[in-house]
Amino acid sequence: MLQRRRPKERFVYVLDYLREGNPLDKHRGHKNRPLAQVIGEDYFILMEALVSDQDFQIEEKVDLFNSSALRIDVVISYEDLTSVAKDTLPRVVKRIVTNKERVFVEFFNKSDALTIKLHALELLPGIGKKTLRIILEERKKKPFESFSDIEQRTGIKNTIDVIVERILTEIERKDKYYLFVYPTEVEHRKPQEQVIYVGYLDKLRGND
């Protein structure tokens, strides 16, 4: 994992915009200049960006490849987010999951076992052995086509919320498995802490 090069995010969502800077920020240069806390659309990487000559709205989507007003400066952790950013985070993650329905549906169709005893689907909240068996049986009959198709055929309620909850767990670094989020904070963990980057979104986008 430590050998992997951190991927670049093209599209980000603004979690908080601090026009006057953040006096509580641990980065000296961010205390008194326009600043935005953002999350990447592809890898859910949290970052701080310096802002110039433009105001941004919370939850605004920005194309970093075509914006000179927002320049990524540092990668941050969940603990570095402002209270506003933490409040915005679940809504933005839900928006990303909703917009990427096809990719996440493919996760239900193609995910496999992580170990002899643990399937990737079991890391989703509320999915135990019984529901896992139903999902595997149903996708053999016919691949799932949408979130609603998953819900109708497996009994899972609010598939989007289930995925969002898992992503938030990974962003907050509460589990060693990273199905969707790129674990940028590996270097800050204790040596005995194991981090396993599965990277399903990479695989489903064909970037494995």
N, C-alpha and C. Protein backbone atom coordinates (compact mmCIF):
# COMPACT_ATOMS: atom_id res chain seq x y z
N MET A 1 0.82 -1.20 0.00
CA MET A 1 0.00 0.00 0.00
C MET A 1 0.86 1.26 0.00
N LEU A 2 1.92 1.26 0.77
CA LEU A 2 2.77 2.44 0.84
C LEU A 2 3.47 2.72 -0.48
N GLN A 3 3.51 1.70 -1.38
CA GLN A 3 4.17 1.87 -2.66
C GLN A 3 3.26 2.54 -3.68
N ARG A 4 1.98 2.62 -3.39
CA ARG A 4 1.04 3.19 -4.34
C ARG A 4 1.20 4.71 -4.40
N ARG A 5 1.07 5.24 -5.58
CA ARG A 5 1.11 6.68 -5.77
C ARG A 5 -0.31 7.22 -5.64
N ARG A 6 -0.45 8.25 -4.81
CA ARG A 6 -1.79 8.78 -4.58
C ARG A 6 -2.41 9.26 -5.89
N PRO A 7 -3.62 8.80 -6.19
CA PRO A 7 -4.26 9.20 -7.44
C PRO A 7 -4.71 10.66 -7.39
N LYS A 8 -4.89 11.25 -8.55
CA LYS A 8 -5.35 12.63 -8.64
C LYS A 8 -6.85 12.66 -8.86
N GLU A 9 -7.49 13.58 -8.17
CA GLU A 9 -8.92 13.80 -8.36
C GLU A 9 -9.10 14.91 -9.40
N ARG A 10 -10.02 14.69 -10.32
CA ARG A 10 -10.33 15.77 -11.26
C ARG A 10 -11.48 16.63 -10.76
N PHE A 11 -12.55 15.97 -10.34
CA PHE A 11 -13.71 16.70 -9.85
C PHE A 11 -13.78 16.64 -8.33
N VAL A 12 -14.05 17.78 -7.72
CA VAL A 12 -14.19 17.84 -6.27
C VAL A 12 -15.47 18.58 -5.92
N TYR A 13 -15.96 18.32 -4.70
CA TYR A 13 -17.11 19.05 -4.17
C TYR A 13 -16.66 19.86 -2.97
N VAL A 14 -17.15 21.08 -2.88
CA VAL A 14 -16.79 21.96 -1.78
C VAL A 14 -17.58 21.58 -0.53
N LEU A 15 -16.87 21.25 0.52
CA LEU A 15 -17.51 20.90 1.80
C LEU A 15 -17.65 22.14 2.69
N ASP A 16 -16.70 23.04 2.59
CA ASP A 16 -16.77 24.30 3.34
C ASP A 16 -15.90 25.32 2.62
N TYR A 17 -16.40 26.55 2.57
CA TYR A 17 -15.64 27.64 1.97
C TYR A 17 -15.41 28.70 3.04
N LEU A 18 -14.14 28.98 3.33
CA LEU A 18 -13.79 29.93 4.37
C LEU A 18 -13.12 31.14 3.72
N ARG A 19 -13.90 32.17 3.48
CA ARG A 19 -13.42 33.34 2.75
C ARG A 19 -12.26 34.03 3.46
N GLU A 20 -12.29 34.02 4.78
CA GLU A 20 -11.24 34.69 5.56
C GLU A 20 -10.16 33.73 6.05
N GLY A 21 -10.24 32.48 5.63
CA GLY A 21 -9.29 31.48 6.11
C GLY A 21 -9.80 30.82 7.38
N ASN A 22 -9.00 29.93 7.93
CA ASN A 22 -9.38 29.18 9.13
C ASN A 22 -8.32 29.38 10.21
N PRO A 23 -8.59 30.22 11.22
CA PRO A 23 -7.59 30.48 12.26
C PRO A 23 -7.19 29.24 13.04
N LEU A 24 -8.03 28.20 13.01
CA LEU A 24 -7.74 26.97 13.74
C LEU A 24 -6.99 25.95 12.90
N ASP A 25 -6.75 26.28 11.64
CA ASP A 25 -6.09 25.33 10.74
C ASP A 25 -4.64 25.12 11.17
N LYS A 26 -4.19 23.86 11.11
CA LYS A 26 -2.81 23.55 11.52
C LYS A 26 -1.78 23.98 10.49
N HIS A 27 -2.23 24.32 9.30
CA HIS A 27 -1.32 24.80 8.25
C HIS A 27 -1.26 26.32 8.31
N ARG A 28 -0.10 26.84 8.56
CA ARG A 28 0.06 28.28 8.80
C ARG A 28 -0.50 29.13 7.66
N GLY A 29 -0.26 28.71 6.44
CA GLY A 29 -0.71 29.49 5.30
C GLY A 29 -2.20 29.48 5.07
N HIS A 30 -2.93 28.70 5.85
CA HIS A 30 -4.38 28.60 5.66
C HIS A 30 -5.17 29.39 6.71
N LYS A 31 -4.47 30.04 7.60
CA LYS A 31 -5.15 30.70 8.72
C LYS A 31 -5.82 32.02 8.34
N ASN A 32 -5.33 32.70 7.31
CA ASN A 32 -5.85 34.03 7.01
C ASN A 32 -5.96 34.31 5.51
N ARG A 33 -6.21 33.28 4.74
CA ARG A 33 -6.44 33.48 3.31
C ARG A 33 -7.58 32.59 2.85
N PRO A 34 -8.28 32.95 1.78
CA PRO A 34 -9.43 32.17 1.32
C PRO A 34 -9.08 30.69 1.13
N LEU A 35 -9.96 29.85 1.63
CA LEU A 35 -9.67 28.42 1.71
C LEU A 35 -10.95 27.61 1.50
N ALA A 36 -10.80 26.46 0.88
CA ALA A 36 -11.93 25.54 0.72
C ALA A 36 -11.51 24.15 1.15
N GLN A 37 -12.40 23.48 1.85
CA GLN A 37 -12.21 22.06 2.14
C GLN A 37 -13.07 21.29 1.15
N VAL A 38 -12.47 20.32 0.48
CA VAL A 38 -13.16 19.64 -0.61
C VAL A 38 -12.99 18.13 -0.50
N ILE A 39 -13.83 17.40 -1.24
CA ILE A 39 -13.70 15.95 -1.33
C ILE A 39 -13.72 15.55 -2.80
N GLY A 40 -12.84 14.62 -3.17
CA GLY A 40 -12.77 14.17 -4.55
C GLY A 40 -13.91 13.23 -4.91
N GLU A 41 -14.32 13.30 -6.16
CA GLU A 41 -15.45 12.50 -6.62
C GLU A 41 -15.10 11.04 -6.87
N ASP A 42 -13.87 10.74 -7.28
CA ASP A 42 -13.50 9.38 -7.65
C ASP A 42 -12.95 8.55 -6.50
N TYR A 43 -12.17 9.17 -5.64
CA TYR A 43 -11.48 8.42 -4.58
C TYR A 43 -11.85 8.89 -3.17
N PHE A 44 -12.75 9.87 -3.08
CA PHE A 44 -13.21 10.41 -1.80
C PHE A 44 -12.04 10.92 -0.94
N ILE A 45 -11.05 11.51 -1.60
CA ILE A 45 -9.91 12.08 -0.88
C ILE A 45 -10.29 13.46 -0.36
N LEU A 46 -10.02 13.70 0.92
CA LEU A 46 -10.28 15.00 1.54
C LEU A 46 -9.06 15.89 1.34
N MET A 47 -9.29 17.14 0.94
CA MET A 47 -8.20 18.06 0.65
C MET A 47 -8.56 19.48 1.04
N GLU A 48 -7.54 20.30 1.20
CA GLU A 48 -7.73 21.73 1.36
C GLU A 48 -7.16 22.42 0.13
N ALA A 49 -7.90 23.41 -0.35
CA ALA A 49 -7.49 24.13 -1.56
C ALA A 49 -7.43 25.62 -1.29
N LEU A 50 -6.44 26.27 -1.86
CA LEU A 50 -6.34 27.72 -1.79
C LEU A 50 -7.22 28.32 -2.88
N VAL A 51 -7.90 29.40 -2.53
CA VAL A 51 -8.88 30.00 -3.43
C VAL A 51 -8.42 31.39 -3.84
N SER A 52 -8.59 31.72 -5.12
CA SER A 52 -8.23 33.05 -5.60
C SER A 52 -9.25 33.57 -6.60
N ASP A 53 -9.63 34.83 -6.43
CA ASP A 53 -10.46 35.56 -7.41
C ASP A 53 -11.83 34.95 -7.67
N GLN A 54 -12.37 34.21 -6.73
CA GLN A 54 -13.70 33.63 -6.94
C GLN A 54 -14.24 33.09 -5.63
N ASP A 55 -15.54 33.26 -5.45
CA ASP A 55 -16.20 32.65 -4.30
C ASP A 55 -16.81 31.33 -4.72
N PHE A 56 -16.90 30.40 -3.77
CA PHE A 56 -17.49 29.09 -4.05
C PHE A 56 -18.63 28.81 -3.09
N GLN A 57 -19.60 28.08 -3.57
CA GLN A 57 -20.74 27.68 -2.76
C GLN A 57 -20.50 26.31 -2.16
N ILE A 58 -20.99 26.10 -0.96
CA ILE A 58 -20.90 24.78 -0.34
C ILE A 58 -21.70 23.78 -1.19
N GLU A 59 -21.12 22.63 -1.42
CA GLU A 59 -21.65 21.54 -2.27
C GLU A 59 -21.46 21.80 -3.75
N GLU A 60 -20.76 22.87 -4.11
CA GLU A 60 -20.49 23.15 -5.52
C GLU A 60 -19.48 22.14 -6.07
N LYS A 61 -19.72 21.69 -7.30
CA LYS A 61 -18.80 20.78 -7.96
C LYS A 61 -17.83 21.58 -8.81
N VAL A 62 -16.53 21.25 -8.70
CA VAL A 62 -15.50 22.00 -9.41
C VAL A 62 -14.62 21.05 -10.22
N ASP A 63 -14.37 21.42 -11.46
CA ASP A 63 -13.46 20.68 -12.33
C ASP A 63 -12.06 21.27 -12.15
N LEU A 64 -11.20 20.57 -11.44
CA LEU A 64 -9.87 21.09 -11.15
C LEU A 64 -9.02 21.28 -12.40
N PHE A 65 -9.32 20.51 -13.44
CA PHE A 65 -8.55 20.62 -14.67
C PHE A 65 -8.85 21.92 -15.41
N ASN A 66 -10.00 22.54 -15.09
CA ASN A 66 -10.42 23.73 -15.82
C ASN A 66 -10.73 24.90 -14.88
N SER A 67 -10.15 24.86 -13.70
CA SER A 67 -10.36 25.95 -12.75
C SER A 67 -9.03 26.44 -12.22
N SER A 68 -8.77 27.72 -12.39
CA SER A 68 -7.55 28.32 -11.86
C SER A 68 -7.80 28.99 -10.52
N ALA A 69 -9.06 29.02 -10.10
CA ALA A 69 -9.42 29.70 -8.85
C ALA A 69 -9.32 28.79 -7.64
N LEU A 70 -9.18 27.48 -7.88
CA LEU A 70 -9.11 26.51 -6.78
C LEU A 70 -7.87 25.65 -6.98
N ARG A 71 -6.92 25.77 -6.06
CA ARG A 71 -5.67 25.02 -6.20
C ARG A 71 -5.45 24.13 -4.98
N ILE A 72 -5.43 22.83 -5.20
CA ILE A 72 -5.24 21.87 -4.11
C ILE A 72 -3.88 22.10 -3.46
N ASP A 73 -3.88 22.19 -2.14
CA ASP A 73 -2.64 22.45 -1.42
C ASP A 73 -2.19 21.24 -0.60
N VAL A 74 -3.10 20.68 0.20
CA VAL A 74 -2.73 19.54 1.04
C VAL A 74 -3.88 18.54 1.14
N VAL A 75 -3.52 17.31 1.40
CA VAL A 75 -4.50 16.27 1.73
C VAL A 75 -4.72 16.33 3.24
N ILE A 76 -5.97 16.20 3.66
CA ILE A 76 -6.29 16.27 5.08
C ILE A 76 -7.05 15.02 5.51
N SER A 77 -7.28 14.90 6.79
CA SER A 77 -8.03 13.78 7.34
C SER A 77 -9.41 14.26 7.79
N TYR A 78 -10.26 13.32 8.15
CA TYR A 78 -11.59 13.65 8.63
C TYR A 78 -11.52 14.59 9.84
N GLU A 79 -10.56 14.36 10.72
CA GLU A 79 -10.42 15.17 11.93
C GLU A 79 -10.09 16.63 11.61
N ASP A 80 -9.54 16.89 10.43
CA ASP A 80 -9.18 18.26 10.04
C ASP A 80 -10.36 19.06 9.52
N LEU A 81 -11.47 18.39 9.23
CA LEU A 81 -12.63 19.09 8.67
C LEU A 81 -13.25 20.03 9.69
N THR A 82 -13.78 21.13 9.20
CA THR A 82 -14.53 22.04 10.05
C THR A 82 -15.88 21.39 10.39
N SER A 83 -16.59 21.96 11.35
CA SER A 83 -17.91 21.42 11.70
C SER A 83 -18.87 21.54 10.52
N VAL A 84 -18.73 22.61 9.75
CA VAL A 84 -19.58 22.78 8.56
C VAL A 84 -19.26 21.70 7.54
N ALA A 85 -17.98 21.43 7.32
CA ALA A 85 -17.58 20.41 6.35
C ALA A 85 -18.07 19.03 6.77
N LYS A 86 -17.98 18.73 8.06
CA LYS A 86 -18.45 17.43 8.55
C LYS A 86 -19.95 17.30 8.35
N ASP A 87 -20.67 18.39 8.50
CA ASP A 87 -22.12 18.37 8.31
C ASP A 87 -22.47 18.22 6.83
N THR A 88 -21.66 18.80 5.97
CA THR A 88 -21.91 18.74 4.52
C THR A 88 -21.53 17.39 3.93
N LEU A 89 -20.54 16.75 4.51
CA LEU A 89 -19.97 15.52 3.96
C LEU A 89 -20.99 14.45 3.60
N PRO A 90 -21.90 14.04 4.50
CA PRO A 90 -22.85 12.98 4.13
C PRO A 90 -23.72 13.34 2.93
N ARG A 91 -24.11 14.60 2.82
CA ARG A 91 -24.95 15.01 1.69
C ARG A 91 -24.18 14.92 0.38
N VAL A 92 -22.93 15.34 0.40
CA VAL A 92 -22.12 15.29 -0.82
C VAL A 92 -21.82 13.85 -1.22
N VAL A 93 -21.48 13.01 -0.23
CA VAL A 93 -21.22 11.60 -0.54
C VAL A 93 -22.47 10.95 -1.14
N LYS A 94 -23.62 11.28 -0.59
CA LYS A 94 -24.87 10.72 -1.11
C LYS A 94 -25.11 11.19 -2.55
N ARG A 95 -24.77 12.42 -2.83
CA ARG A 95 -24.92 12.94 -4.20
C ARG A 95 -23.99 12.20 -5.15
N ILE A 96 -22.75 11.95 -4.73
CA ILE A 96 -21.80 11.24 -5.57
C ILE A 96 -22.28 9.81 -5.85
N VAL A 97 -22.73 9.13 -4.80
CA VAL A 97 -23.21 7.75 -4.96
C VAL A 97 -24.41 7.71 -5.89
N THR A 98 -25.32 8.65 -5.71
CA THR A 98 -26.51 8.71 -6.56
C THR A 98 -26.12 8.92 -8.03
N ASN A 99 -25.17 9.82 -8.25
CA ASN A 99 -24.75 10.12 -9.63
C ASN A 99 -23.96 8.97 -10.26
N LYS A 100 -23.34 8.14 -9.43
CA LYS A 100 -22.54 7.03 -9.94
C LYS A 100 -23.25 5.69 -9.71
N GLU A 101 -24.54 5.70 -9.87
CA GLU A 101 -25.34 4.50 -9.63
C GLU A 101 -24.83 3.30 -10.41
N ARG A 102 -24.50 3.49 -11.66
CA ARG A 102 -24.07 2.36 -12.49
C ARG A 102 -22.85 1.66 -11.89
N VAL A 103 -21.89 2.45 -11.44
CA VAL A 103 -20.65 1.87 -10.90
C VAL A 103 -20.93 1.11 -9.61
N PHE A 104 -21.74 1.68 -8.72
CA PHE A 104 -22.01 1.02 -7.45
C PHE A 104 -22.91 -0.21 -7.62
N VAL A 105 -23.78 -0.18 -8.62
CA VAL A 105 -24.58 -1.37 -8.92
C VAL A 105 -23.65 -2.49 -9.38
N GLU A 106 -22.63 -2.14 -10.16
CA GLU A 106 -21.67 -3.14 -10.61
C GLU A 106 -20.89 -3.74 -9.44
N PHE A 107 -20.72 -2.97 -8.38
CA PHE A 107 -20.09 -3.52 -7.19
C PHE A 107 -20.92 -4.69 -6.65
N PHE A 108 -22.22 -4.53 -6.64
CA PHE A 108 -23.10 -5.62 -6.19
C PHE A 108 -23.02 -6.81 -7.15
N ASN A 109 -22.79 -6.55 -8.42
CA ASN A 109 -22.73 -7.62 -9.41
C ASN A 109 -21.39 -8.36 -9.42
N LYS A 110 -20.30 -7.67 -9.11
CA LYS A 110 -18.97 -8.24 -9.35
C LYS A 110 -18.09 -8.39 -8.12
N SER A 111 -18.50 -7.87 -6.99
CA SER A 111 -17.67 -7.99 -5.78
C SER A 111 -17.51 -9.45 -5.41
N ASP A 112 -16.39 -9.75 -4.76
CA ASP A 112 -16.12 -11.15 -4.40
C ASP A 112 -15.59 -11.24 -2.97
N ALA A 113 -15.14 -12.43 -2.61
CA ALA A 113 -14.67 -12.67 -1.24
C ALA A 113 -13.33 -11.99 -0.99
N LEU A 114 -13.19 -11.43 0.20
CA LEU A 114 -11.93 -10.82 0.62
C LEU A 114 -11.05 -11.84 1.31
N THR A 115 -11.69 -12.74 2.05
CA THR A 115 -11.01 -13.85 2.72
C THR A 115 -11.91 -15.08 2.60
N ILE A 116 -11.47 -16.17 3.14
CA ILE A 116 -12.29 -17.39 3.10
C ILE A 116 -13.63 -17.18 3.81
N LYS A 117 -13.60 -16.37 4.85
CA LYS A 117 -14.80 -16.18 5.67
C LYS A 117 -15.53 -14.86 5.46
N LEU A 118 -14.93 -13.96 4.70
CA LEU A 118 -15.51 -12.62 4.57
C LEU A 118 -15.66 -12.19 3.12
N HIS A 119 -16.89 -11.86 2.74
CA HIS A 119 -17.18 -11.34 1.41
C HIS A 119 -17.22 -9.82 1.48
N ALA A 120 -16.82 -9.17 0.40
CA ALA A 120 -16.82 -7.71 0.38
C ALA A 120 -18.19 -7.12 0.70
N LEU A 121 -19.24 -7.76 0.23
CA LEU A 121 -20.59 -7.26 0.47
C LEU A 121 -20.95 -7.24 1.95
N GLU A 122 -20.31 -8.10 2.74
CA GLU A 122 -20.61 -8.15 4.17
C GLU A 122 -20.08 -6.94 4.92
N LEU A 123 -19.24 -6.15 4.27
CA LEU A 123 -18.76 -4.93 4.90
C LEU A 123 -19.77 -3.80 4.81
N LEU A 124 -20.80 -3.99 4.01
CA LEU A 124 -21.86 -2.99 3.93
C LEU A 124 -22.77 -3.14 5.14
N PRO A 125 -23.17 -2.04 5.76
CA PRO A 125 -24.03 -2.10 6.95
C PRO A 125 -25.31 -2.89 6.70
N GLY A 126 -25.61 -3.79 7.61
CA GLY A 126 -26.87 -4.53 7.55
C GLY A 126 -26.86 -5.77 6.67
N ILE A 127 -25.72 -6.06 6.02
CA ILE A 127 -25.66 -7.24 5.15
C ILE A 127 -24.92 -8.36 5.88
N GLY A 128 -25.69 -9.37 6.29
CA GLY A 128 -25.12 -10.54 6.94
C GLY A 128 -25.09 -11.72 5.99
N LYS A 129 -24.88 -12.90 6.54
CA LYS A 129 -24.76 -14.11 5.71
C LYS A 129 -26.04 -14.40 4.92
N LYS A 130 -27.18 -14.19 5.55
CA LYS A 130 -28.45 -14.48 4.87
C LYS A 130 -28.66 -13.56 3.67
N THR A 131 -28.48 -12.26 3.89
CA THR A 131 -28.66 -11.31 2.78
C THR A 131 -27.61 -11.51 1.72
N LEU A 132 -26.39 -11.82 2.14
CA LEU A 132 -25.33 -12.10 1.18
C LEU A 132 -25.72 -13.25 0.27
N ARG A 133 -26.26 -14.32 0.85
CA ARG A 133 -26.66 -15.48 0.05
C ARG A 133 -27.73 -15.09 -0.96
N ILE A 134 -28.66 -14.27 -0.56
CA ILE A 134 -29.73 -13.83 -1.47
C ILE A 134 -29.13 -13.02 -2.62
N ILE A 135 -28.22 -12.10 -2.30
CA ILE A 135 -27.59 -11.26 -3.33
C ILE A 135 -26.85 -12.13 -4.35
N LEU A 136 -26.07 -13.08 -3.86
CA LEU A 136 -25.28 -13.93 -4.76
C LEU A 136 -26.17 -14.80 -5.64
N GLU A 137 -27.27 -15.30 -5.05
CA GLU A 137 -28.20 -16.11 -5.84
C GLU A 137 -28.90 -15.27 -6.90
N GLU A 138 -29.31 -14.07 -6.54
CA GLU A 138 -30.03 -13.22 -7.47
C GLU A 138 -29.14 -12.74 -8.62
N ARG A 139 -27.90 -12.39 -8.33
CA ARG A 139 -27.05 -11.89 -9.40
C ARG A 139 -26.62 -13.00 -10.36
N LYS A 140 -26.69 -14.26 -9.91
CA LYS A 140 -26.45 -15.38 -10.81
C LYS A 140 -27.58 -15.50 -11.83
N LYS A 141 -28.79 -15.25 -11.37
CA LYS A 141 -29.95 -15.32 -12.27
C LYS A 141 -29.89 -14.22 -13.32
N LYS A 142 -29.56 -13.01 -12.84
CA LYS A 142 -29.53 -11.85 -13.73
C LYS A 142 -28.81 -10.72 -13.02
N PRO A 143 -27.86 -10.06 -13.68
CA PRO A 143 -27.16 -8.93 -13.04
C PRO A 143 -28.13 -7.84 -12.61
N PHE A 144 -27.82 -7.21 -11.50
CA PHE A 144 -28.65 -6.09 -11.04
C PHE A 144 -28.49 -4.92 -12.00
N GLU A 145 -29.57 -4.17 -12.17
CA GLU A 145 -29.56 -3.08 -13.13
C GLU A 145 -29.63 -1.70 -12.49
N SER A 146 -30.09 -1.62 -11.25
CA SER A 146 -30.25 -0.33 -10.60
C SER A 146 -30.35 -0.53 -9.09
N PHE A 147 -30.32 0.56 -8.35
CA PHE A 147 -30.49 0.47 -6.91
C PHE A 147 -31.87 -0.09 -6.56
N SER A 148 -32.88 0.34 -7.28
CA SER A 148 -34.23 -0.13 -7.01
C SER A 148 -34.36 -1.62 -7.33
N ASP A 149 -33.66 -2.07 -8.36
CA ASP A 149 -33.66 -3.50 -8.71
C ASP A 149 -33.04 -4.31 -7.57
N ILE A 150 -31.94 -3.82 -7.01
CA ILE A 150 -31.31 -4.49 -5.87
C ILE A 150 -32.27 -4.59 -4.70
N GLU A 151 -32.94 -3.50 -4.41
CA GLU A 151 -33.86 -3.47 -3.27
C GLU A 151 -35.04 -4.41 -3.46
N GLN A 152 -35.59 -4.44 -4.66
CA GLN A 152 -36.76 -5.28 -4.93
C GLN A 152 -36.42 -6.76 -4.88
N ARG A 153 -35.22 -7.12 -5.29
CA ARG A 153 -34.86 -8.54 -5.40
C ARG A 153 -34.15 -9.10 -4.16
N THR A 154 -33.65 -8.21 -3.29
CA THR A 154 -32.90 -8.71 -2.13
C THR A 154 -33.50 -8.33 -0.79
N GLY A 155 -34.41 -7.37 -0.80
CA GLY A 155 -34.99 -6.93 0.46
C GLY A 155 -34.19 -5.85 1.16
N ILE A 156 -33.06 -5.44 0.58
CA ILE A 156 -32.27 -4.35 1.16
C ILE A 156 -33.06 -3.05 1.03
N LYS A 157 -33.05 -2.27 2.09
CA LYS A 157 -33.75 -0.99 2.06
C LYS A 157 -32.73 0.14 1.94
N ASN A 158 -33.06 1.12 1.09
CA ASN A 158 -32.21 2.31 0.95
C ASN A 158 -30.75 1.96 0.62
N THR A 159 -30.56 1.35 -0.53
CA THR A 159 -29.22 0.93 -0.96
C THR A 159 -28.24 2.09 -0.95
N ILE A 160 -28.69 3.25 -1.38
CA ILE A 160 -27.80 4.42 -1.41
C ILE A 160 -27.29 4.74 -0.02
N ASP A 161 -28.19 4.74 0.97
CA ASP A 161 -27.79 5.07 2.34
C ASP A 161 -26.82 4.02 2.89
N VAL A 162 -27.00 2.78 2.51
CA VAL A 162 -26.10 1.71 2.96
C VAL A 162 -24.69 1.96 2.43
N ILE A 163 -24.58 2.32 1.16
CA ILE A 163 -23.27 2.58 0.56
C ILE A 163 -22.65 3.84 1.17
N VAL A 164 -23.47 4.87 1.35
CA VAL A 164 -22.97 6.12 1.94
C VAL A 164 -22.40 5.86 3.33
N GLU A 165 -23.11 5.07 4.14
CA GLU A 165 -22.64 4.78 5.48
C GLU A 165 -21.28 4.07 5.45
N ARG A 166 -21.13 3.15 4.50
CA ARG A 166 -19.84 2.45 4.39
C ARG A 166 -18.72 3.41 3.99
N ILE A 167 -19.00 4.29 3.05
CA ILE A 167 -17.99 5.25 2.61
C ILE A 167 -17.58 6.17 3.75
N LEU A 168 -18.54 6.62 4.54
CA LEU A 168 -18.22 7.48 5.68
C LEU A 168 -17.37 6.73 6.71
N THR A 169 -17.64 5.45 6.89
CA THR A 169 -16.83 4.63 7.80
C THR A 169 -15.38 4.62 7.33
N GLU A 170 -15.18 4.49 6.03
CA GLU A 170 -13.83 4.46 5.49
C GLU A 170 -13.16 5.83 5.57
N ILE A 171 -13.90 6.89 5.29
CA ILE A 171 -13.35 8.24 5.39
C ILE A 171 -12.89 8.53 6.82
N GLU A 172 -13.66 8.04 7.79
CA GLU A 172 -13.33 8.27 9.20
C GLU A 172 -12.32 7.26 9.73
N ARG A 173 -11.85 6.36 8.85
CA ARG A 173 -10.81 5.38 9.18
C ARG A 173 -11.22 4.47 10.34
N LYS A 174 -12.42 3.94 10.26
CA LYS A 174 -12.94 3.09 11.33
C LYS A 174 -12.82 1.60 11.02
N ASP A 175 -12.24 1.26 9.87
CA ASP A 175 -12.09 -0.14 9.50
C ASP A 175 -10.82 -0.30 8.68
N LYS A 176 -10.24 -1.48 8.70
CA LYS A 176 -8.99 -1.70 7.96
C LYS A 176 -9.22 -1.90 6.47
N TYR A 177 -10.45 -2.28 6.09
CA TYR A 177 -10.75 -2.49 4.67
C TYR A 177 -11.26 -1.19 4.04
N TYR A 178 -10.72 -0.90 2.86
CA TYR A 178 -11.15 0.27 2.10
C TYR A 178 -11.70 -0.21 0.75
N LEU A 179 -13.00 -0.35 0.67
CA LEU A 179 -13.63 -0.80 -0.56
C LEU A 179 -13.68 0.30 -1.60
N PHE A 180 -13.94 1.53 -1.14
CA PHE A 180 -14.21 2.64 -2.06
C PHE A 180 -13.28 3.84 -1.88
N VAL A 181 -12.84 4.10 -0.67
CA VAL A 181 -12.07 5.31 -0.35
C VAL A 181 -10.58 5.02 -0.45
N TYR A 182 -9.83 5.97 -1.02
CA TYR A 182 -8.38 5.82 -1.04
C TYR A 182 -7.82 6.23 0.32
N PRO A 183 -7.13 5.34 1.02
CA PRO A 183 -6.68 5.61 2.40
C PRO A 183 -5.40 6.45 2.46
N THR A 184 -5.53 7.74 2.38
CA THR A 184 -4.37 8.62 2.33
C THR A 184 -3.62 8.74 3.64
N GLU A 185 -4.25 8.33 4.74
CA GLU A 185 -3.63 8.53 6.04
C GLU A 185 -2.81 7.32 6.50
N VAL A 186 -2.48 6.42 5.60
CA VAL A 186 -1.74 5.22 5.97
C VAL A 186 -0.44 5.56 6.68
N GLU A 187 0.25 6.59 6.19
CA GLU A 187 1.56 6.90 6.76
C GLU A 187 1.47 7.37 8.21
N HIS A 188 0.28 7.74 8.67
CA HIS A 188 0.13 8.22 10.04
C HIS A 188 -0.34 7.12 11.00
N ARG A 189 -0.54 5.93 10.49
CA ARG A 189 -1.00 4.84 11.34
C ARG A 189 0.16 4.19 12.07
N LYS A 190 -0.17 3.50 13.12
CA LYS A 190 0.84 2.76 13.85
C LYS A 190 1.26 1.55 13.01
N PRO A 191 2.50 1.10 13.11
CA PRO A 191 3.00 -0.01 12.28
C PRO A 191 2.14 -1.26 12.36
N GLN A 192 1.56 -1.53 13.54
CA GLN A 192 0.78 -2.77 13.69
C GLN A 192 -0.62 -2.67 13.11
N GLU A 193 -1.03 -1.47 12.73
CA GLU A 193 -2.36 -1.30 12.17
C GLU A 193 -2.35 -1.69 10.68
N GLN A 194 -3.21 -2.59 10.33
CA GLN A 194 -3.25 -3.08 8.96
C GLN A 194 -4.27 -2.29 8.15
N VAL A 195 -3.89 -1.93 6.95
CA VAL A 195 -4.77 -1.22 6.04
C VAL A 195 -4.81 -1.97 4.73
N ILE A 196 -6.02 -2.31 4.28
CA ILE A 196 -6.17 -3.08 3.05
C ILE A 196 -6.99 -2.27 2.06
N TYR A 197 -6.32 -1.81 1.01
CA TYR A 197 -7.00 -1.03 -0.02
C TYR A 197 -7.50 -1.99 -1.11
N VAL A 198 -8.80 -2.19 -1.13
CA VAL A 198 -9.41 -3.09 -2.13
C VAL A 198 -9.63 -2.33 -3.44
N GLY A 199 -10.07 -1.09 -3.33
CA GLY A 199 -10.19 -0.24 -4.51
C GLY A 199 -11.18 -0.70 -5.56
N TYR A 200 -12.38 -1.04 -5.13
CA TYR A 200 -13.36 -1.55 -6.09
C TYR A 200 -13.74 -0.53 -7.17
N LEU A 201 -13.77 0.75 -6.83
CA LEU A 201 -14.14 1.73 -7.84
C LEU A 201 -13.09 1.80 -8.93
N ASP A 202 -11.82 1.64 -8.55
CA ASP A 202 -10.75 1.53 -9.54
C ASP A 202 -11.02 0.36 -10.48
N LYS A 203 -11.31 -0.79 -9.90
CA LYS A 203 -11.52 -2.00 -10.69
C LYS A 203 -12.72 -1.86 -11.62
N LEU A 204 -13.78 -1.29 -11.12
CA LEU A 204 -15.00 -1.18 -11.91
C LEU A 204 -14.90 -0.10 -12.99
N ARG A 205 -13.95 0.82 -12.81
CA ARG A 205 -13.71 1.81 -13.86
C ARG A 205 -12.70 1.31 -14.87
N GLY A 206 -12.15 0.11 -14.60
CA GLY A 206 -11.19 -0.44 -15.55
C GLY A 206 -9.78 0.04 -15.33
N ASN A 207 -9.49 0.56 -14.09
CA ASN A 207 -8.15 1.09 -13.82
C ASN A 207 -7.36 0.17 -12.89
N ASP A 208 -7.80 -1.05 -12.74
CA ASP A 208 -7.12 -1.97 -11.82
C ASP A 208 -5.69 -2.25 -12.28
